[in-house]
Structures are given as C-alpha cells and as structure tokens.
C-alpha cells in the first residue's frame, strides 16, 4: 500500500505518496478547476509502484486564487522534485483544466515521458478566477511561461447558459467560442507536435462541460501529421468525469458533467488498462 513520503520542496504544495520499494517512475497528478488536490488518485498510482505527487497548483499559499496566469514553472519544479528522488520516467496525469497544464508542460519539458489526459482540451483557454492581483476580469491567459502569458481562446460573457438536469451545461459555450474566435485558435493550440512524450487521451462523447471528445480527436490528427502516435480511449455514453477503478469522485453541484456513474466507470476501466502499460 502507498505510504506518505517526504514533504514537497521548493515551495511546491500538495501531497506525495510512494510504496516502500524504490520507484523509478514518478507521477504528477493535476486536478481540474475545482481546485481539488487529488490525493485519492495519487494513492492509486502510488499503489502501482510509482512515486506520485498530488500537486496543488492554484489556491494555495503564495499561489493565484484562481487559474489565472499560473506559471508553467510550477510544473517543471514538480519534475525537478521527482528527478531528485531518482525517478527516471515522469508521467503527468491531468484532468480537465489540469490537462492544459500537463500537455503544455510536456511540450516545454522534455523530461516528461508521458501524459494521461482525462477530458482534455487541445487549446489554451482564459482564466477561471483571479490571479495574484486578485483581479479576474478582463480575461487573461490561464498560463505564463518565463513571465509571458500564453495565447488563449477568449470566452463570450454574453453567452446564454444552457441547462441539463437543472445544472449549467457549458459545452455549447466552448463550441460557440471556437467559432466566434476562430482566428485565435491556431496561436492558442497546444503544440503537441513538438513533444515526443507518449500521449494517452481519455474522453466521453457525452461530456456536458466541454467538447473533450472533439479536442482529443484534434490532438490525434495534429500529432499524426507530425508522425507521432497518440493513444485515444473514447466512450459514447461517458461524460466529463472519468472514474478509475475504486474511485467515487462526486459530481459537480455547479455544472453538468454528462454521462452516468456506470458509463464513467467503464471508461475509467478501459483507460486503466492502457495507463498500467504506460507505468510499466
């Protein structure tokens, strides 16, 4: 079973888990916009013989309150930590908004061997919440690199919400913004053709939060043009939430996820078989 490990150095925030045996594979687990530090998922990966870090990358001490101009150097520092512990292979595991960070990190840090991307985006979006200056509007990039904000696809404050099961379904907002700001897409696209990391994408076609299935397909196509293989696990009836074996992650009370418990778990089981192959 996974046990608590050393505290995180260099101003990093989160929790580390590892088995008693020496591990040469390090995993960085990034949650989504909820801000949850996903310790349960990190334990799951640690139980597979890895050193796993559930990283807090916003909302902590000294960090932006929201996902606003978060330095990619935060994630490079997590790689530094695992390398110093003797890890030879680094795998990033991102969920939703955390996938943007995971994929961008893989583009800019060649030490990252693989990325597992649950409900991914293929482009950078604007901030969710306030930055270090406590200002959330006007819209800014979610990420910076060497102090410079990355290009992003803007949202539309005049979008009229759509509802599903009494909750806001944001998928149509992202579809709308991609059409409205078509000229922004190329600059905001995460350039995964520049990364040799192994990429595993996991998405449900019933995702009600954003079109992760379309994003995943576009990533596959873009990397294929560059001669880079990409693994894709898609499910027709699964939603935004993917449940790995043993997980009971609750649904959001703020927005619609789509899918259902059974479908989300089936997708997670299919993905888990591919994930274990990556870890080994």
Protein backbone atom coordinates (compact mmCIF):
# COMPACT_ATOMS: atom_id res chain seq x y z
CA UNK A 1 0.00 0.00 0.00
CA UNK A 2 1.07 3.58 -0.62
CA UNK A 3 2.55 5.50 2.27
CA UNK A 4 3.13 9.18 2.85
CA UNK A 5 6.53 10.28 1.65
CA UNK A 6 8.70 13.33 2.11
CA UNK A 7 7.18 16.79 2.10
CA UNK A 8 7.39 18.65 -1.19
CA UNK A 9 10.37 21.00 -1.55
CA UNK A 10 10.95 24.30 -3.33
CA UNK A 11 7.66 25.90 -2.42
CA UNK A 12 5.60 23.15 -4.02
CA UNK A 13 2.23 22.41 -2.44
CA UNK A 14 0.42 19.08 -2.29
CA UNK A 15 0.99 15.55 -1.02
CA UNK A 16 3.38 12.80 -2.06
CA UNK A 17 2.74 9.07 -1.89
CA UNK A 18 5.01 6.13 -2.63
CA UNK A 19 5.41 2.47 -1.91
CA UNK A 20 8.15 1.16 0.32
CA UNK A 21 10.01 -0.19 -2.73
CA UNK A 22 12.28 2.07 -4.74
CA UNK A 23 10.48 3.54 -7.72
CA UNK A 24 11.95 4.86 -10.97
CA UNK A 25 8.61 6.20 -12.25
CA UNK A 26 7.24 9.48 -10.93
CA UNK A 27 3.66 10.63 -11.45
CA UNK A 28 2.32 14.18 -11.11
CA UNK A 29 -1.46 14.26 -10.63
CA UNK A 30 -3.21 17.51 -11.57
CA UNK A 31 -6.84 18.11 -10.69
CA UNK A 32 -9.18 20.38 -12.60
CA UNK A 33 -10.85 23.72 -11.96
CA UNK A 34 -12.45 22.52 -8.71
CA UNK A 35 -9.07 23.02 -7.05
CA UNK A 36 -9.19 19.56 -5.51
CA UNK A 37 -5.79 18.11 -4.63
CA UNK A 38 -6.48 14.59 -5.87
CA UNK A 39 -4.81 12.54 -3.17
CA UNK A 40 -7.01 9.51 -3.86
CA UNK A 41 -5.83 9.30 -7.45
CA UNK A 42 -2.22 9.84 -6.37
CA UNK A 43 -2.53 6.93 -3.93
CA UNK A 44 -3.94 4.79 -6.73
CA UNK A 45 -0.88 5.49 -8.85
CA UNK A 46 1.50 5.00 -5.94
CA UNK A 47 0.00 1.57 -5.36
CA UNK A 48 1.19 0.70 -8.86
CA UNK A 49 4.77 1.16 -7.69
CA UNK A 50 5.29 4.82 -8.55
CA UNK A 51 6.18 7.91 -6.58
CA UNK A 52 3.05 10.01 -7.01
CA UNK A 53 2.52 13.68 -6.24
CA UNK A 54 -0.96 15.20 -5.92
CA UNK A 55 0.00 18.77 -6.78
CA UNK A 56 -1.79 21.92 -5.67
CA UNK A 57 -1.14 24.40 -8.44
CA UNK A 58 -3.53 27.22 -7.55
CA UNK A 59 -5.39 28.39 -4.48
CA UNK A 60 -2.57 27.64 -2.07
CA UNK A 61 -0.23 29.87 -0.10
CA UNK A 62 1.67 32.17 -2.44
CA UNK A 63 -0.37 30.98 -5.43
CA UNK A 64 -3.05 32.67 -7.52
CA UNK A 65 -6.52 32.25 -6.05
CA UNK A 66 -7.81 31.07 -9.41
CA UNK A 67 -6.46 29.62 -12.62
CA UNK A 68 -5.04 32.87 -13.88
CA UNK A 69 -1.53 33.30 -15.29
CA UNK A 70 -0.27 30.23 -13.43
CA UNK A 71 3.47 29.82 -14.19
CA UNK A 72 4.32 26.63 -16.07
CA UNK A 73 7.49 26.67 -13.99
CA UNK A 74 5.30 25.32 -11.15
CA UNK A 75 5.03 22.05 -13.03
CA UNK A 76 8.69 21.99 -14.06
CA UNK A 77 9.53 22.24 -10.35
CA UNK A 78 7.42 19.14 -9.69
CA UNK A 79 9.52 17.32 -12.30
CA UNK A 80 12.68 18.56 -10.58
CA UNK A 81 11.42 17.11 -7.30
CA UNK A 82 10.78 13.65 -8.74
CA UNK A 83 14.05 13.56 -10.68
CA UNK A 84 15.96 14.41 -7.50
CA UNK A 85 14.23 11.45 -5.82
CA UNK A 86 15.66 9.15 -8.51
CA UNK A 87 12.74 8.91 -10.91
CA UNK A 88 13.86 8.15 -14.45
CA UNK A 89 10.43 8.38 -16.09
CA UNK A 90 7.95 11.18 -15.39
CA UNK A 91 4.24 10.82 -16.16
CA UNK A 92 1.76 13.66 -15.84
CA UNK A 93 -1.89 12.78 -15.17
CA UNK A 94 -4.26 15.69 -15.76
CA UNK A 95 -8.00 16.11 -15.51
CA UNK A 96 -9.97 18.72 -17.46
CA UNK A 97 -8.37 22.14 -16.92
CA UNK A 98 -5.35 20.38 -15.43
CA UNK A 99 -4.81 18.73 -18.82
CA UNK A 100 -3.90 22.10 -20.32
CA UNK A 101 -1.06 22.34 -17.80
CA UNK A 102 0.01 18.72 -18.26
CA UNK A 103 0.18 18.97 -22.05
CA UNK A 104 1.89 22.36 -22.02
CA UNK A 105 4.44 21.03 -19.53
CA UNK A 106 5.19 18.10 -21.85
CA UNK A 107 5.75 20.50 -24.75
CA UNK A 108 8.24 22.60 -22.79
CA UNK A 109 9.93 19.98 -20.57
CA UNK A 110 11.43 17.04 -22.44
CA UNK A 111 11.91 15.12 -19.18
CA UNK A 112 8.19 14.29 -19.20
CA UNK A 113 7.87 10.81 -20.71
CA UNK A 114 4.09 10.53 -20.92
CA UNK A 115 0.83 12.35 -20.29
CA UNK A 116 -2.51 10.80 -19.38
CA UNK A 117 -5.18 13.35 -20.25
CA UNK A 118 -8.70 12.90 -18.90
CA UNK A 119 -11.36 15.04 -20.63
CA UNK A 120 -8.72 17.14 -22.39
CA UNK A 121 -8.62 20.47 -24.17
CA UNK A 122 -6.49 20.94 -27.25
CA UNK A 123 -6.20 24.71 -26.80
CA UNK A 124 -5.43 27.18 -24.04
CA UNK A 125 -8.45 28.98 -22.56
CA UNK A 126 -8.73 32.11 -20.48
CA UNK A 127 -8.54 32.40 -16.73
CA UNK A 128 -11.02 30.92 -14.29
CA UNK A 129 -10.96 33.18 -11.24
CA UNK A 130 -8.47 35.73 -10.00
CA UNK A 131 -4.73 35.97 -10.36
CA UNK A 132 -2.14 37.00 -7.80
CA UNK A 133 -3.52 40.55 -8.08
CA UNK A 134 -7.00 39.34 -7.01
CA UNK A 135 -8.40 40.53 -10.36
CA UNK A 136 -10.40 38.13 -12.52
CA UNK A 137 -11.61 40.42 -15.33
CA UNK A 138 -10.80 41.45 -18.02
CA UNK A 139 -9.92 37.96 -19.21
CA UNK A 140 -6.31 36.85 -19.24
CA UNK A 141 -4.44 33.67 -20.08
CA UNK A 142 -4.53 30.75 -17.69
CA UNK A 143 -0.77 30.23 -18.04
CA UNK A 144 2.54 32.01 -18.31
CA UNK A 145 5.98 30.83 -19.42
CA UNK A 146 9.06 32.79 -18.34
CA UNK A 147 6.69 35.53 -17.20
CA UNK A 148 4.86 35.88 -20.51
CA UNK A 149 1.16 34.96 -20.86
CA UNK A 150 0.36 32.26 -23.41
CA UNK A 151 -2.14 32.97 -26.21
CA UNK A 152 -5.67 31.77 -25.47
CA UNK A 153 -9.14 31.46 -26.95
CA UNK A 154 -11.40 34.07 -25.31
CA UNK A 155 -14.84 33.30 -23.94
CA UNK A 156 -18.06 35.24 -24.55
CA UNK A 157 -19.63 36.92 -21.50
CA UNK A 158 -22.88 37.33 -23.42
CA UNK A 159 -23.34 33.57 -23.93
CA UNK A 160 -26.74 32.39 -22.71
CA UNK A 161 -26.47 29.36 -20.44
CA UNK A 162 -27.97 26.02 -21.40
CA UNK A 163 -29.11 23.55 -18.77
CA UNK A 164 -29.06 19.81 -18.26
CA UNK A 165 -30.65 18.16 -15.24
CA UNK A 166 -31.00 21.59 -13.66
CA UNK A 167 -27.30 22.46 -13.98
CA UNK A 168 -25.48 24.65 -16.48
CA UNK A 169 -24.03 22.66 -19.39
CA UNK A 170 -21.05 24.64 -20.65
CA UNK A 171 -20.26 22.53 -23.72
CA UNK A 172 -22.11 24.86 -26.07
CA UNK A 173 -20.16 27.84 -24.67
CA UNK A 174 -16.86 26.33 -25.77
CA UNK A 175 -18.26 25.31 -29.16
CA UNK A 176 -19.58 28.85 -29.58
CA UNK A 177 -16.28 30.48 -28.62
CA UNK A 178 -14.28 28.30 -31.01
CA UNK A 179 -16.49 29.52 -33.85
CA UNK A 180 -16.56 33.15 -32.74
CA UNK A 181 -12.80 33.36 -32.18
CA UNK A 182 -11.67 31.10 -34.99
CA UNK A 183 -8.71 33.35 -35.77
CA UNK A 184 -7.36 32.83 -32.25
CA UNK A 185 -7.32 29.04 -32.36
CA UNK A 186 -4.00 28.41 -34.10
CA UNK A 187 -1.98 30.58 -31.69
CA UNK A 188 -3.78 29.06 -28.69
CA UNK A 189 -3.40 25.44 -29.83
CA UNK A 190 -1.16 23.38 -27.56
CA UNK A 191 1.70 22.41 -29.95
CA UNK A 192 1.93 18.72 -29.10
CA UNK A 193 3.63 18.02 -32.41
CA UNK A 194 6.70 19.45 -30.63
CA UNK A 195 6.63 16.85 -27.86
CA UNK A 196 7.88 13.29 -28.06
CA UNK A 197 6.04 12.35 -24.87
CA UNK A 198 3.67 9.42 -25.07
CA UNK A 199 0.10 10.81 -25.01
CA UNK A 200 -2.98 8.93 -23.80
CA UNK A 201 -6.28 10.80 -24.23
CA UNK A 202 -9.45 9.70 -22.44
CA UNK A 203 -12.81 11.28 -23.23
CA UNK A 204 -16.56 10.71 -23.28
CA UNK A 205 -18.74 11.84 -26.15
CA UNK A 206 -21.46 12.77 -23.65
CA UNK A 207 -19.18 15.34 -21.96
CA UNK A 208 -21.50 18.21 -20.99
CA UNK A 209 -18.79 20.55 -19.71
CA UNK A 210 -16.72 20.98 -22.85
CA UNK A 211 -16.20 19.04 -26.12
CA UNK A 212 -13.32 16.91 -24.85
CA UNK A 213 -14.05 14.24 -27.46
CA UNK A 214 -13.53 16.77 -30.27
CA UNK A 215 -10.45 18.18 -28.57
CA UNK A 216 -8.99 14.69 -28.22
CA UNK A 217 -9.64 13.87 -31.87
CA UNK A 218 -7.97 17.09 -32.99
CA UNK A 219 -4.88 16.27 -30.92
CA UNK A 220 -4.66 12.83 -32.54
CA UNK A 221 -4.93 14.35 -36.02
CA UNK A 222 -2.39 17.10 -35.36
CA UNK A 223 0.20 14.68 -33.97
CA UNK A 224 -0.46 12.20 -36.79
CA UNK A 225 0.53 14.90 -39.30
CA UNK A 226 3.82 15.17 -37.41
CA UNK A 227 4.31 11.39 -37.48
CA UNK A 228 3.67 10.99 -33.76
CA UNK A 229 1.39 8.22 -32.49
CA UNK A 230 -1.28 9.05 -29.90
CA UNK A 231 -3.50 6.72 -27.89
CA UNK A 232 -7.19 7.57 -27.63
CA UNK A 233 -9.86 5.93 -25.47
CA UNK A 234 -13.36 7.19 -26.30
CA UNK A 235 -16.76 6.16 -24.95
CA UNK A 236 -20.10 7.17 -26.41
CA UNK A 237 -22.05 7.35 -23.14
CA UNK A 238 -19.42 8.64 -20.67
CA UNK A 239 -19.29 12.24 -19.54
CA UNK A 240 -16.69 14.72 -18.31
CA UNK A 241 -15.89 12.75 -15.16
CA UNK A 242 -13.82 9.60 -15.59
CA UNK A 243 -13.80 7.10 -12.72
CA UNK A 244 -10.73 4.90 -12.39
CA UNK A 245 -11.08 1.58 -10.51
CA UNK A 246 -12.17 2.22 -6.94
CA UNK A 247 -12.79 5.95 -7.41
CA UNK A 248 -16.01 7.59 -6.18
CA UNK A 249 -15.36 11.16 -7.26
CA UNK A 250 -18.57 13.15 -6.69
CA UNK A 251 -20.33 15.02 -9.44
CA UNK A 252 -20.13 18.79 -9.51
CA UNK A 253 -23.05 20.64 -7.93
CA UNK A 254 -22.27 23.70 -10.07
CA UNK A 255 -22.32 22.39 -13.63
CA UNK A 256 -23.43 19.38 -15.64
CA UNK A 257 -20.93 16.59 -16.28
CA UNK A 258 -22.98 14.38 -18.61
CA UNK A 259 -22.58 10.63 -18.63
CA UNK A 260 -23.56 8.46 -15.67
CA UNK A 261 -21.80 6.51 -12.93
CA UNK A 262 -21.74 3.22 -14.84
CA UNK A 263 -20.53 4.72 -18.13
CA UNK A 264 -17.91 6.89 -16.45
CA UNK A 265 -16.58 3.85 -14.59
CA UNK A 266 -16.49 1.70 -17.75
CA UNK A 267 -14.44 4.37 -19.49
CA UNK A 268 -12.11 4.52 -16.50
CA UNK A 269 -11.61 0.75 -16.57
CA UNK A 270 -10.77 0.82 -20.27
CA UNK A 271 -8.32 3.67 -19.69
CA UNK A 272 -6.75 1.95 -16.69
CA UNK A 273 -5.53 -0.96 -18.79
CA UNK A 274 -3.72 1.50 -21.07
CA UNK A 275 -2.41 3.50 -18.11
CA UNK A 276 -0.83 0.47 -16.46
CA UNK A 277 1.04 -0.26 -19.68
CA UNK A 278 2.41 3.29 -19.63
CA UNK A 279 3.51 2.98 -16.00
CA UNK A 280 5.36 -0.24 -16.72
